[in-house]
Amino acid sequence: MSEVAKKILHVDYSLCIGCETCQGVCDFIHDGKPNIRIYYTVSGLPVPINCRHCERAPCLEICPVGAIYKDHEGAVIIDPGKCIGCLMCLAVCPFGVPSFNVRIRVVTKCDMCAARRAEGMEPACGEMCPAEAIFFGESEEIEDRIMRRTAEKIARERISSMNLEGVGRML
């Protein structure tokens, strides 16, 4: 059996419009407990915060009962049946992502919509984002997308800074 390529959920903060669609759809899919949240900077810029599914995930390494593992696509998953709610993963996450669900008494976080991915679909936040700020794909696809966006941004900035008065007019 061939190895499945690791996929990444990438957020392009420069494209986020703060509509909170990602948070709403995640809330709906995960029964009222969204695993992506929109925070706002002091200046009002939206910043979606979600699990980064770290290559060397500190939460996975510190879990004393092995409740956190990586699935075949590289998503860092918490098994609620094994989680004892010790909160050690919350303490070590550099992004402050995992949260304690008091209703079920376990830690939860983004699982990149594991059930949807099992059905061949993408994570809901990326599929529903109207600004296409959230993208799910292999690292090479994401790198290509970032390079293309950067090139487009540079081109737009250069064009807008040019004095084009009179260009295209007939004498």
C-alpha atoms as a PDB file:
ATOM      1  CA  MET A   1       0.000   0.000   0.000  1.00  0.00           C
ATOM      2  CA  SER A   2       1.405   3.407  -0.941  1.00  0.00           C
ATOM      3  CA  GLU A   3       1.860   6.104   1.672  1.00  0.00           C
ATOM      4  CA  VAL A   4      -0.710   8.896   1.661  1.00  0.00           C
ATOM      5  CA  ALA A   5       0.816  12.347   1.187  1.00  0.00           C
ATOM      6  CA  LYS A   6       0.733  14.582   4.249  1.00  0.00           C
ATOM      7  CA  LYS A   7      -1.755  17.372   3.850  1.00  0.00           C
ATOM      8  CA  ILE A   8      -1.710  20.742   5.522  1.00  0.00           C
ATOM      9  CA  LEU A   9      -4.432  23.190   6.467  1.00  0.00           C
ATOM     10  CA  HIS A  10      -2.950  26.581   5.583  1.00  0.00           C
ATOM     11  CA  VAL A  11      -4.410  29.956   6.541  1.00  0.00           C
ATOM     12  CA  ASP A  12      -3.430  32.993   4.483  1.00  0.00           C
ATOM     13  CA  TYR A  13      -4.065  35.760   7.020  1.00  0.00           C
ATOM     14  CA  SER A  14      -3.765  38.447   4.346  1.00  0.00           C
ATOM     15  CA  LEU A  15      -6.905  37.087   2.664  1.00  0.00           C
ATOM     16  CA  CYS A  16      -9.058  36.644   5.778  1.00  0.00           C
ATOM     17  CA  ILE A  17     -11.996  39.073   5.748  1.00  0.00           C
ATOM     18  CA  GLY A  18     -13.203  38.256   9.270  1.00  0.00           C
ATOM     19  CA  CYS A  19     -16.572  36.889   8.161  1.00  0.00           C
ATOM     20  CA  GLU A  20     -16.315  34.038  10.710  1.00  0.00           C
ATOM     21  CA  THR A  21     -17.699  31.499   8.231  1.00  0.00           C
ATOM     22  CA  CYS A  22     -14.936  29.061   9.180  1.00  0.00           C
ATOM     23  CA  GLN A  23     -15.857  29.325  12.849  1.00  0.00           C
ATOM     24  CA  GLY A  24     -19.571  28.927  12.118  1.00  0.00           C
ATOM     25  CA  VAL A  25     -19.215  25.874   9.901  1.00  0.00           C
ATOM     26  CA  CYS A  26     -16.798  24.268  12.380  1.00  0.00           C
ATOM     27  CA  ASP A  27     -19.281  24.977  15.172  1.00  0.00           C
ATOM     28  CA  PHE A  28     -22.021  23.275  13.141  1.00  0.00           C
ATOM     29  CA  ILE A  29     -19.943  20.219  12.199  1.00  0.00           C
ATOM     30  CA  HIS A  30     -18.532  19.742  15.692  1.00  0.00           C
ATOM     31  CA  ASP A  31     -21.818  20.057  17.612  1.00  0.00           C
ATOM     32  CA  GLY A  32     -21.430  23.555  18.982  1.00  0.00           C
ATOM     33  CA  LYS A  33     -17.716  23.395  19.774  1.00  0.00           C
ATOM     34  CA  PRO A  34     -15.749  25.171  17.024  1.00  0.00           C
ATOM     35  CA  ASN A  35     -12.090  24.217  16.727  1.00  0.00           C
ATOM     36  CA  ILE A  36     -11.124  27.342  14.821  1.00  0.00           C
ATOM     37  CA  ARG A  37     -11.648  30.742  16.331  1.00  0.00           C
ATOM     38  CA  ILE A  38     -11.372  34.238  14.941  1.00  0.00           C
ATOM     39  CA  TYR A  39      -9.532  36.679  17.165  1.00  0.00           C
ATOM     40  CA  TYR A  40      -8.986  40.333  16.338  1.00  0.00           C
ATOM     41  CA  THR A  41      -5.804  42.343  16.717  1.00  0.00           C
ATOM     42  CA  VAL A  42      -5.876  45.697  18.512  1.00  0.00           C
ATOM     43  CA  SER A  43      -6.182  47.360  15.098  1.00  0.00           C
ATOM     44  CA  GLY A  44      -9.156  45.132  14.223  1.00  0.00           C
ATOM     45  CA  LEU A  45      -7.508  42.687  11.827  1.00  0.00           C
ATOM     46  CA  PRO A  46      -9.024  39.184  11.926  1.00  0.00           C
ATOM     47  CA  VAL A  47      -6.702  36.313  12.850  1.00  0.00           C
ATOM     48  CA  PRO A  48      -8.084  32.770  12.519  1.00  0.00           C
ATOM     49  CA  ILE A  49      -6.467  30.492  15.107  1.00  0.00           C
ATOM     50  CA  ASN A  50      -6.522  26.749  14.585  1.00  0.00           C
ATOM     51  CA  CYS A  51      -4.325  23.737  15.231  1.00  0.00           C
ATOM     52  CA  ARG A  52      -1.195  23.750  13.078  1.00  0.00           C
ATOM     53  CA  HIS A  53      -0.854  19.947  13.226  1.00  0.00           C
ATOM     54  CA  CYS A  54       2.826  20.364  14.040  1.00  0.00           C
ATOM     55  CA  GLU A  55       5.396  18.021  12.533  1.00  0.00           C
ATOM     56  CA  ARG A  56       6.800  17.459  16.032  1.00  0.00           C
ATOM     57  CA  ALA A  57       3.661  18.173  18.032  1.00  0.00           C
ATOM     58  CA  PRO A  58       4.436  19.050  21.665  1.00  0.00           C
ATOM     59  CA  CYS A  59       0.917  17.985  22.669  1.00  0.00           C
ATOM     60  CA  LEU A  60       1.459  14.517  21.216  1.00  0.00           C
ATOM     61  CA  GLU A  61       4.847  14.171  22.886  1.00  0.00           C
ATOM     62  CA  ILE A  62       3.622  15.179  26.355  1.00  0.00           C
ATOM     63  CA  CYS A  63       0.335  13.253  26.522  1.00  0.00           C
ATOM     64  CA  PRO A  64       0.830  10.750  29.375  1.00  0.00           C
ATOM     65  CA  VAL A  65      -1.771   8.271  28.114  1.00  0.00           C
ATOM     66  CA  GLY A  66      -1.150   8.326  24.354  1.00  0.00           C
ATOM     67  CA  ALA A  67      -4.510   9.932  23.592  1.00  0.00           C
ATOM     68  CA  ILE A  68      -2.937  12.124  20.909  1.00  0.00           C
ATOM     69  CA  TYR A  69      -1.697  10.616  17.658  1.00  0.00           C
ATOM     70  CA  LYS A  70      -1.117  11.441  13.990  1.00  0.00           C
ATOM     71  CA  ASP A  71      -3.431   9.979  11.399  1.00  0.00           C
ATOM     72  CA  HIS A  72      -2.361   8.746   7.952  1.00  0.00           C
ATOM     73  CA  GLU A  73      -2.525  12.279   6.478  1.00  0.00           C
ATOM     74  CA  GLY A  74      -0.493  13.872   9.261  1.00  0.00           C
ATOM     75  CA  ALA A  75      -3.369  15.385  11.245  1.00  0.00           C
ATOM     76  CA  VAL A  76      -2.769  15.488  14.994  1.00  0.00           C
ATOM     77  CA  ILE A  77      -5.840  13.869  16.562  1.00  0.00           C
ATOM     78  CA  ILE A  78      -7.092  13.540  20.152  1.00  0.00           C
ATOM     79  CA  ASP A  79      -8.869  10.277  20.979  1.00  0.00           C
ATOM     80  CA  PRO A  80     -11.625  11.354  23.410  1.00  0.00           C
ATOM     81  CA  GLY A  81     -11.914   7.783  24.679  1.00  0.00           C
ATOM     82  CA  LYS A  82      -8.327   7.875  25.937  1.00  0.00           C
ATOM     83  CA  CYS A  83      -8.055  11.527  27.035  1.00  0.00           C
ATOM     84  CA  ILE A  84      -8.031  11.876  30.837  1.00  0.00           C
ATOM     85  CA  GLY A  85      -8.376  15.671  30.792  1.00  0.00           C
ATOM     86  CA  CYS A  86      -5.015  16.319  32.484  1.00  0.00           C
ATOM     87  CA  LEU A  87      -4.588  19.523  30.408  1.00  0.00           C
ATOM     88  CA  MET A  88      -0.868  18.970  29.822  1.00  0.00           C
ATOM     89  CA  CYS A  89      -1.398  19.419  26.072  1.00  0.00           C
ATOM     90  CA  LEU A  90      -2.931  22.846  26.702  1.00  0.00           C
ATOM     91  CA  ALA A  91       0.133  23.882  28.656  1.00  0.00           C
ATOM     92  CA  VAL A  92       2.623  22.990  25.906  1.00  0.00           C
ATOM     93  CA  CYS A  93       0.792  24.118  22.753  1.00  0.00           C
ATOM     94  CA  PRO A  94       2.716  27.151  21.439  1.00  0.00           C
ATOM     95  CA  PHE A  95      -0.455  28.418  19.738  1.00  0.00           C
ATOM     96  CA  GLY A  96      -2.871  27.967  22.662  1.00  0.00           C
ATOM     97  CA  VAL A  97      -5.187  25.882  20.523  1.00  0.00           C
ATOM     98  CA  PRO A  98      -6.496  22.889  22.503  1.00  0.00           C
ATOM     99  CA  SER A  99      -9.447  23.615  24.757  1.00  0.00           C
ATOM    100  CA  PHE A 100     -11.073  21.718  27.584  1.00  0.00           C
ATOM    101  CA  ASN A 101     -14.650  20.714  26.854  1.00  0.00           C
ATOM    102  CA  VAL A 102     -16.310  20.782  30.266  1.00  0.00           C
ATOM    103  CA  ARG A 103     -19.399  18.996  28.976  1.00  0.00           C
ATOM    104  CA  ILE A 104     -17.518  15.839  27.961  1.00  0.00           C
ATOM    105  CA  ARG A 105     -14.507  16.460  30.263  1.00  0.00           C
ATOM    106  CA  VAL A 106     -11.822  15.989  27.605  1.00  0.00           C
ATOM    107  CA  VAL A 107      -9.552  18.207  25.553  1.00  0.00           C
ATOM    108  CA  THR A 108     -10.628  18.994  21.993  1.00  0.00           C
ATOM    109  CA  LYS A 109      -8.972  20.656  19.013  1.00  0.00           C
ATOM    110  CA  CYS A 110      -9.105  20.720  15.233  1.00  0.00           C
ATOM    111  CA  ASP A 111      -8.926  17.273  13.653  1.00  0.00           C
ATOM    112  CA  MET A 112      -8.998  18.673  10.095  1.00  0.00           C
ATOM    113  CA  CYS A 113     -12.554  17.307   9.859  1.00  0.00           C
ATOM    114  CA  ALA A 114     -11.462  13.668  10.144  1.00  0.00           C
ATOM    115  CA  ALA A 115     -14.938  12.335   9.310  1.00  0.00           C
ATOM    116  CA  ARG A 116     -15.153  14.506   6.179  1.00  0.00           C
ATOM    117  CA  ARG A 117     -11.642  13.508   5.070  1.00  0.00           C
ATOM    118  CA  ALA A 118     -12.594   9.834   5.510  1.00  0.00           C
ATOM    119  CA  GLU A 119     -15.368  10.507   2.965  1.00  0.00           C
ATOM    120  CA  GLY A 120     -12.925  12.138   0.533  1.00  0.00           C
ATOM    121  CA  MET A 121     -13.950  15.701   1.374  1.00  0.00           C
ATOM    122  CA  GLU A 122     -11.829  18.620   2.545  1.00  0.00           C
ATOM    123  CA  PRO A 123     -12.063  20.252   5.968  1.00  0.00           C
ATOM    124  CA  ALA A 124     -15.240  22.323   6.063  1.00  0.00           C
ATOM    125  CA  CYS A 125     -13.538  25.596   7.011  1.00  0.00           C
ATOM    126  CA  GLY A 126     -11.434  25.565   3.844  1.00  0.00           C
ATOM    127  CA  GLU A 127     -14.260  24.458   1.599  1.00  0.00           C
ATOM    128  CA  MET A 128     -16.629  27.147   2.873  1.00  0.00           C
ATOM    129  CA  CYS A 129     -14.239  30.119   3.200  1.00  0.00           C
ATOM    130  CA  PRO A 130     -15.604  32.760   0.779  1.00  0.00           C
ATOM    131  CA  ALA A 131     -12.236  34.553   0.623  1.00  0.00           C
ATOM    132  CA  GLU A 132     -10.282  31.334  -0.022  1.00  0.00           C
ATOM    133  CA  ALA A 133      -8.061  32.249   2.936  1.00  0.00           C
ATOM    134  CA  ILE A 134      -8.023  28.631   4.171  1.00  0.00           C
ATOM    135  CA  PHE A 135      -6.488  26.051   1.885  1.00  0.00           C
ATOM    136  CA  PHE A 136      -6.089  22.291   2.374  1.00  0.00           C
ATOM    137  CA  GLY A 137      -3.470  20.508   0.322  1.00  0.00           C
ATOM    138  CA  GLU A 138      -0.041  18.960   0.094  1.00  0.00           C
ATOM    139  CA  SER A 139       2.889  21.148   1.125  1.00  0.00           C
ATOM    140  CA  GLU A 140       4.052  21.567  -2.491  1.00  0.00           C
ATOM    141  CA  GLU A 141       0.603  22.830  -3.518  1.00  0.00           C
ATOM    142  CA  ILE A 142       0.604  25.305  -0.657  1.00  0.00           C
ATOM    143  CA  GLU A 143       4.122  26.530  -1.459  1.00  0.00           C
ATOM    144  CA  ASP A 144       3.096  27.046  -5.108  1.00  0.00           C
ATOM    145  CA  ARG A 145      -0.018  28.930  -4.035  1.00  0.00           C
ATOM    146  CA  ILE A 146       1.985  31.181  -1.671  1.00  0.00           C
ATOM    147  CA  MET A 147       4.590  31.919  -4.371  1.00  0.00           C
ATOM    148  CA  ARG A 148       1.869  32.735  -6.916  1.00  0.00           C
ATOM    149  CA  ARG A 149       0.078  35.044  -4.459  1.00  0.00           C
ATOM    150  CA  THR A 150       3.348  36.771  -3.563  1.00  0.00           C
ATOM    151  CA  ALA A 151       4.205  37.318  -7.235  1.00  0.00           C
ATOM    152  CA  GLU A 152       0.707  38.693  -7.912  1.00  0.00           C
ATOM    153  CA  LYS A 153       0.967  41.054  -4.933  1.00  0.00           C
ATOM    154  CA  ILE A 154       4.368  42.364  -6.068  1.00  0.00           C
ATOM    155  CA  ALA A 155       3.061  42.875  -9.615  1.00  0.00           C
ATOM    156  CA  ARG A 156      -0.017  44.772  -8.348  1.00  0.00           C
ATOM    157  CA  GLU A 157       2.138  46.991  -6.119  1.00  0.00           C
ATOM    158  CA  ARG A 158       4.516  47.801  -8.974  1.00  0.00           C
ATOM    159  CA  ILE A 159       1.715  48.558 -11.396  1.00  0.00           C
ATOM    160  CA  SER A 160      -0.117  50.771  -8.907  1.00  0.00           C
ATOM    161  CA  SER A 161       3.067  52.754  -8.209  1.00  0.00           C
ATOM    162  CA  MET A 162       3.691  53.489 -11.901  1.00  0.00           C
ATOM    163  CA  ASN A 163       2.652  56.779 -13.419  1.00  0.00           C
ATOM    164  CA  LEU A 164       0.476  55.466 -16.224  1.00  0.00           C
ATOM    165  CA  GLU A 165      -1.105  58.772 -17.199  1.00  0.00           C
ATOM    166  CA  GLY A 166      -1.392  58.878 -20.954  1.00  0.00           C
ATOM    167  CA  VAL A 167      -0.526  55.222 -21.481  1.00  0.00           C
ATOM    168  CA  GLY A 168      -2.742  53.673 -24.125  1.00  0.00           C
ATOM    169  CA  ARG A 169      -3.992  56.967 -25.553  1.00  0.00           C
ATOM    170  CA  MET A 170      -3.717  57.824 -29.191  1.00  0.00           C
ATOM    171  CA  LEU A 171      -1.775  61.004 -30.001  1.00  0.00           C
END
